[in-house]
Amino acid sequence: MTLKNCLLLFSLFLISCSEQQARKPITVSNSSSLISTSTILKKINSIEELKIINYIKKILFMTIFVLQMVFGIVT
């Protein structure tokens, strides 16, 4: 490397590492948007829980039905 290239790299290093600057947030978050987001997420969670419970009930019903067919049990 030539002396000019070394000086250029050294000067770029000094300029780029002078100070760290914090990034500015893209949007300002306020408490009302956080509350509405948490409310929406709770609703989504409850809907998903109901779907899981219904799926488990469906599997249990199908299992009982298959066992009744295999063993000839009539209820």
C-alpha atoms as a PDB file:
ATOM      1  CA  MET A   1       0.000   0.000   0.000  1.00  0.00           C
ATOM      2  CA  THR A   2       1.118   3.465  -0.678  1.00  0.00           C
ATOM      3  CA  LEU A   3       1.366   6.210   1.877  1.00  0.00           C
ATOM      4  CA  LYS A   4      -1.680   7.989   0.414  1.00  0.00           C
ATOM      5  CA  ASN A   5      -3.856   4.899   0.808  1.00  0.00           C
ATOM      6  CA  CYS A   6      -2.689   4.403   4.390  1.00  0.00           C
ATOM      7  CA  LEU A   7      -3.420   8.032   5.271  1.00  0.00           C
ATOM      8  CA  LEU A   8      -6.824   7.810   3.634  1.00  0.00           C
ATOM      9  CA  LEU A   9      -7.740   4.668   5.580  1.00  0.00           C
ATOM     10  CA  PHE A  10      -6.454   6.141   8.818  1.00  0.00           C
ATOM     11  CA  SER A  11      -8.381   9.390   8.351  1.00  0.00           C
ATOM     12  CA  LEU A  12     -11.589   7.472   7.503  1.00  0.00           C
ATOM     13  CA  PHE A  13     -11.118   5.384  10.613  1.00  0.00           C
ATOM     14  CA  LEU A  14     -10.765   8.483  12.797  1.00  0.00           C
ATOM     15  CA  ILE A  15     -13.777  10.211  11.267  1.00  0.00           C
ATOM     16  CA  SER A  16     -16.082   7.204  11.423  1.00  0.00           C
ATOM     17  CA  CYS A  17     -15.252   6.254  15.028  1.00  0.00           C
ATOM     18  CA  SER A  18     -15.512   9.692  16.588  1.00  0.00           C
ATOM     19  CA  GLU A  19     -18.825   9.268  18.470  1.00  0.00           C
ATOM     20  CA  GLN A  20     -21.696   6.845  18.614  1.00  0.00           C
ATOM     21  CA  GLN A  21     -25.073   8.277  17.835  1.00  0.00           C
ATOM     22  CA  ALA A  22     -28.309   6.746  19.019  1.00  0.00           C
ATOM     23  CA  ARG A  23     -30.842   5.854  16.386  1.00  0.00           C
ATOM     24  CA  LYS A  24     -34.078   7.778  16.431  1.00  0.00           C
ATOM     25  CA  PRO A  25     -37.249   5.688  16.733  1.00  0.00           C
ATOM     26  CA  ILE A  26     -39.281   5.354  13.572  1.00  0.00           C
ATOM     27  CA  THR A  27     -42.541   6.036  15.362  1.00  0.00           C
ATOM     28  CA  VAL A  28     -43.257   7.389  18.766  1.00  0.00           C
ATOM     29  CA  SER A  29     -45.017   4.810  20.898  1.00  0.00           C
ATOM     30  CA  ASN A  30     -47.647   6.004  23.300  1.00  0.00           C
ATOM     31  CA  SER A  31     -49.438   4.142  26.031  1.00  0.00           C
ATOM     32  CA  SER A  32     -52.804   4.057  24.262  1.00  0.00           C
ATOM     33  CA  SER A  33     -51.393   2.196  21.283  1.00  0.00           C
ATOM     34  CA  LEU A  34     -49.673  -0.281  23.603  1.00  0.00           C
ATOM     35  CA  ILE A  35     -52.913  -0.880  25.489  1.00  0.00           C
ATOM     36  CA  SER A  36     -54.878  -1.408  22.278  1.00  0.00           C
ATOM     37  CA  THR A  37     -52.195  -3.768  20.974  1.00  0.00           C
ATOM     38  CA  SER A  38     -52.246  -5.818  24.166  1.00  0.00           C
ATOM     39  CA  THR A  39     -56.064  -5.960  24.040  1.00  0.00           C
ATOM     40  CA  ILE A  40     -55.982  -7.213  20.466  1.00  0.00           C
ATOM     41  CA  LEU A  41     -53.337  -9.804  21.307  1.00  0.00           C
ATOM     42  CA  LYS A  42     -55.397 -11.044  24.273  1.00  0.00           C
ATOM     43  CA  LYS A  43     -58.427 -11.472  21.993  1.00  0.00           C
ATOM     44  CA  ILE A  44     -56.329 -13.367  19.453  1.00  0.00           C
ATOM     45  CA  ASN A  45     -54.956 -15.558  22.243  1.00  0.00           C
ATOM     46  CA  SER A  46     -58.426 -16.413  23.539  1.00  0.00           C
ATOM     47  CA  ILE A  47     -59.613 -17.283  20.010  1.00  0.00           C
ATOM     48  CA  GLU A  48     -56.609 -19.554  19.511  1.00  0.00           C
ATOM     49  CA  GLU A  49     -57.241 -21.236  22.880  1.00  0.00           C
ATOM     50  CA  LEU A  50     -60.843 -21.967  21.862  1.00  0.00           C
ATOM     51  CA  LYS A  51     -59.647 -23.439  18.574  1.00  0.00           C
ATOM     52  CA  ILE A  52     -57.184 -25.687  20.425  1.00  0.00           C
ATOM     53  CA  ILE A  53     -59.869 -26.853  22.884  1.00  0.00           C
ATOM     54  CA  ASN A  54     -62.281 -27.614  20.025  1.00  0.00           C
ATOM     55  CA  TYR A  55     -59.567 -29.507  18.167  1.00  0.00           C
ATOM     56  CA  ILE A  56     -58.792 -31.600  21.263  1.00  0.00           C
ATOM     57  CA  LYS A  57     -62.512 -32.373  21.713  1.00  0.00           C
ATOM     58  CA  LYS A  58     -62.726 -33.415  18.073  1.00  0.00           C
ATOM     59  CA  ILE A  59     -59.724 -35.744  18.425  1.00  0.00           C
ATOM     60  CA  LEU A  60     -61.162 -37.266  21.619  1.00  0.00           C
ATOM     61  CA  PHE A  61     -64.523 -37.842  19.938  1.00  0.00           C
ATOM     62  CA  MET A  62     -62.848 -39.503  16.950  1.00  0.00           C
ATOM     63  CA  THR A  63     -60.723 -41.683  19.256  1.00  0.00           C
ATOM     64  CA  ILE A  64     -63.765 -42.814  21.231  1.00  0.00           C
ATOM     65  CA  PHE A  65     -65.622 -43.514  17.991  1.00  0.00           C
ATOM     66  CA  VAL A  66     -62.756 -45.618  16.612  1.00  0.00           C
ATOM     67  CA  LEU A  67     -62.435 -47.546  19.894  1.00  0.00           C
ATOM     68  CA  GLN A  68     -66.172 -48.262  19.854  1.00  0.00           C
ATOM     69  CA  MET A  69     -65.910 -49.538  16.295  1.00  0.00           C
ATOM     70  CA  VAL A  70     -62.882 -51.721  17.079  1.00  0.00           C
ATOM     71  CA  PHE A  71     -64.181 -53.233  20.303  1.00  0.00           C
ATOM     72  CA  GLY A  72     -67.866 -53.208  19.386  1.00  0.00           C
ATOM     73  CA  ILE A  73     -68.863 -51.104  22.374  1.00  0.00           C
ATOM     74  CA  VAL A  74     -72.211 -49.382  22.076  1.00  0.00           C
ATOM     75  CA  THR A  75     -73.027 -46.533  24.415  1.00  0.00           C
END
